[in-house]
């Protein structure tokens, strides 16, 4: 999921090969294609270069997190890992989910129904509460962490 102004495909510019990929826009969008030569000349600006490197670094960390999450055996473990990561990132135990449960299910290789059921179980067990569809409050951090080691 990308927000307005975010970059994608930046790692492919210097890969030296083609890569089959696709992007789906959920709303009308404009895409700017920056040729390799223009990008290289822009690196003379140190702020631009640092921003570019930060972007690639963040995406690399993101992909590592996704790979780690997908390697977990159960959807409940994937959700626990995801919620713990969000809590660390946002430095709070109460936060909004950045995407829908359907999108989250797609990221986890599952279905919306299974993800929703696992969120409901976490609520029923008193580990989290969800005052609305997108707000999560981690009520029992130790138990949420414990799910990862079961």
Protein backbone atom coordinates (compact mmCIF):
# COMPACT_ATOMS: atom_id res chain seq x y z
CA UNK A 1 0.00 0.00 0.00
CA UNK A 2 1.40 3.33 -1.05
CA UNK A 3 0.33 6.79 -0.03
CA UNK A 4 0.33 9.91 -2.18
CA UNK A 5 3.89 10.91 -3.10
CA UNK A 6 5.45 7.54 -2.31
CA UNK A 7 7.88 5.89 -4.70
CA UNK A 8 7.81 2.35 -6.08
CA UNK A 9 10.10 0.41 -8.38
CA UNK A 10 13.19 2.32 -7.24
CA UNK A 11 15.21 -0.84 -6.63
CA UNK A 12 14.71 -1.95 -10.23
CA UNK A 13 16.38 1.12 -11.71
CA UNK A 14 19.85 -0.27 -11.03
CA UNK A 15 19.11 -4.01 -11.08
CA UNK A 16 20.08 -4.32 -14.73
CA UNK A 17 17.20 -6.66 -15.55
CA UNK A 18 13.49 -6.65 -16.13
CA UNK A 19 11.12 -7.73 -13.41
CA UNK A 20 7.49 -8.64 -13.99
CA UNK A 21 5.35 -6.77 -11.50
CA UNK A 22 2.10 -4.88 -11.34
CA UNK A 23 0.55 -2.13 -9.32
CA UNK A 24 -3.17 -1.75 -8.66
CA UNK A 25 -4.56 1.67 -7.88
CA UNK A 26 -7.64 1.90 -5.69
CA UNK A 27 -8.34 5.42 -6.99
CA UNK A 28 -7.40 7.66 -9.91
CA UNK A 29 -3.65 8.21 -9.80
CA UNK A 30 -0.84 9.86 -11.70
CA UNK A 31 2.48 8.07 -12.06
CA UNK A 32 5.75 9.83 -12.78
CA UNK A 33 8.46 7.84 -14.54
CA UNK A 34 11.96 9.09 -13.75
CA UNK A 35 14.61 7.91 -16.23
CA UNK A 36 17.80 6.42 -14.81
CA UNK A 37 19.93 9.28 -16.18
CA UNK A 38 17.80 11.90 -14.42
CA UNK A 39 17.95 9.93 -11.19
CA UNK A 40 21.75 9.63 -11.39
CA UNK A 41 22.17 13.36 -11.91
CA UNK A 42 19.81 14.02 -8.97
CA UNK A 43 22.16 12.10 -6.67
CA UNK A 44 24.49 15.12 -6.78
CA UNK A 45 22.03 16.66 -4.32
CA UNK A 46 22.93 15.05 -0.98
CA UNK A 47 19.43 15.55 0.52
CA UNK A 48 17.89 13.77 -2.46
CA UNK A 49 20.43 10.94 -2.27
CA UNK A 50 19.80 10.42 1.45
CA UNK A 51 16.04 10.46 0.87
CA UNK A 52 16.41 7.87 -1.89
CA UNK A 53 18.59 5.62 0.27
CA UNK A 54 16.18 5.99 3.21
CA UNK A 55 13.30 4.94 0.96
CA UNK A 56 15.11 1.82 -0.24
CA UNK A 57 16.22 0.99 3.31
CA UNK A 58 12.68 1.30 4.67
CA UNK A 59 11.31 -0.93 1.94
CA UNK A 60 14.02 -3.51 2.57
CA UNK A 61 13.10 -3.59 6.26
CA UNK A 62 9.43 -3.78 5.31
CA UNK A 63 10.03 -6.74 3.03
CA UNK A 64 12.09 -8.48 5.71
CA UNK A 65 9.17 -8.04 8.10
CA UNK A 66 6.72 -9.44 5.56
CA UNK A 67 8.94 -12.47 4.95
CA UNK A 68 9.26 -13.02 8.69
CA UNK A 69 5.50 -12.70 9.17
CA UNK A 70 4.73 -15.11 6.31
CA UNK A 71 7.12 -17.67 7.78
CA UNK A 72 5.01 -17.87 10.95
CA UNK A 73 2.87 -21.00 11.09
CA UNK A 74 -0.56 -19.64 12.02
CA UNK A 75 -2.64 -16.60 11.19
CA UNK A 76 -2.87 -15.82 14.91
CA UNK A 77 0.94 -15.68 15.13
CA UNK A 78 1.04 -13.47 12.03
CA UNK A 79 -1.49 -11.08 13.56
CA UNK A 80 0.39 -11.03 16.88
CA UNK A 81 3.64 -10.22 15.08
CA UNK A 82 1.93 -7.53 13.01
CA UNK A 83 0.30 -5.87 16.03
CA UNK A 84 3.51 -5.95 18.05
CA UNK A 85 5.41 -4.38 15.15
CA UNK A 86 2.79 -1.63 14.77
CA UNK A 87 2.88 -0.95 18.49
CA UNK A 88 6.67 -0.58 18.42
CA UNK A 89 6.57 1.59 15.30
CA UNK A 90 3.91 3.91 16.70
CA UNK A 91 5.31 3.78 20.26
CA UNK A 92 1.87 3.19 21.77
CA UNK A 93 -0.45 0.31 22.65
CA UNK A 94 -3.44 2.07 21.04
CA UNK A 95 -3.31 2.63 17.29
CA UNK A 96 -5.27 2.53 14.05
CA UNK A 97 -4.73 -0.32 11.63
CA UNK A 98 -3.20 1.21 8.48
CA UNK A 99 -5.21 -1.05 6.18
CA UNK A 100 -8.43 -3.05 6.06
CA UNK A 101 -8.66 -6.61 7.34
CA UNK A 102 -9.11 -7.76 3.76
CA UNK A 103 -5.81 -6.13 2.77
CA UNK A 104 -4.17 -7.52 5.89
CA UNK A 105 -5.46 -10.99 5.00
CA UNK A 106 -3.94 -10.66 1.53
CA UNK A 107 -0.59 -9.68 3.06
CA UNK A 108 -0.77 -12.72 5.35
CA UNK A 109 -1.80 -15.17 2.66
CA UNK A 110 -5.17 -15.74 4.27
CA UNK A 111 -8.80 -14.69 3.96
CA UNK A 112 -10.62 -11.77 5.58
CA UNK A 113 -12.88 -14.19 7.45
CA UNK A 114 -9.97 -16.05 9.05
CA UNK A 115 -8.24 -12.79 10.00
CA UNK A 116 -11.47 -11.40 11.48
CA UNK A 117 -12.04 -14.60 13.44
CA UNK A 118 -8.53 -14.40 14.91
CA UNK A 119 -9.01 -10.74 15.86
CA UNK A 120 -12.26 -11.77 17.58
CA UNK A 121 -10.45 -14.53 19.50
CA UNK A 122 -7.78 -12.07 20.65
CA UNK A 123 -10.54 -9.76 21.88
CA UNK A 124 -12.46 -12.57 23.59
CA UNK A 125 -9.24 -13.65 25.37
CA UNK A 126 -8.72 -10.07 26.63
CA UNK A 127 -5.44 -9.67 24.77
CA UNK A 128 -6.66 -6.77 22.63
CA UNK A 129 -9.76 -4.62 22.42
CA UNK A 130 -11.16 -2.94 19.34
CA UNK A 131 -13.50 -0.05 20.11
CA UNK A 132 -14.12 0.31 16.36
CA UNK A 133 -13.18 -1.54 13.16
CA UNK A 134 -9.73 -0.04 12.80
CA UNK A 135 -8.58 0.88 16.32
CA UNK A 136 -6.61 -1.68 18.31
CA UNK A 137 -5.65 -1.47 21.96
CA UNK A 138 -3.16 -4.04 23.20
CA UNK A 139 -4.43 -4.89 26.67
CA UNK A 140 -2.08 -7.74 27.53
CA UNK A 141 1.32 -7.31 25.90
CA UNK A 142 2.87 -10.38 27.54
CA UNK A 143 0.13 -12.69 26.28
CA UNK A 144 0.35 -11.19 22.77
CA UNK A 145 4.11 -11.77 22.78
CA UNK A 146 3.50 -15.28 24.14
CA UNK A 147 1.46 -16.20 21.07
CA UNK A 148 4.62 -15.98 18.98
CA UNK A 149 6.36 -18.64 21.11
CA UNK A 150 3.52 -21.17 21.45
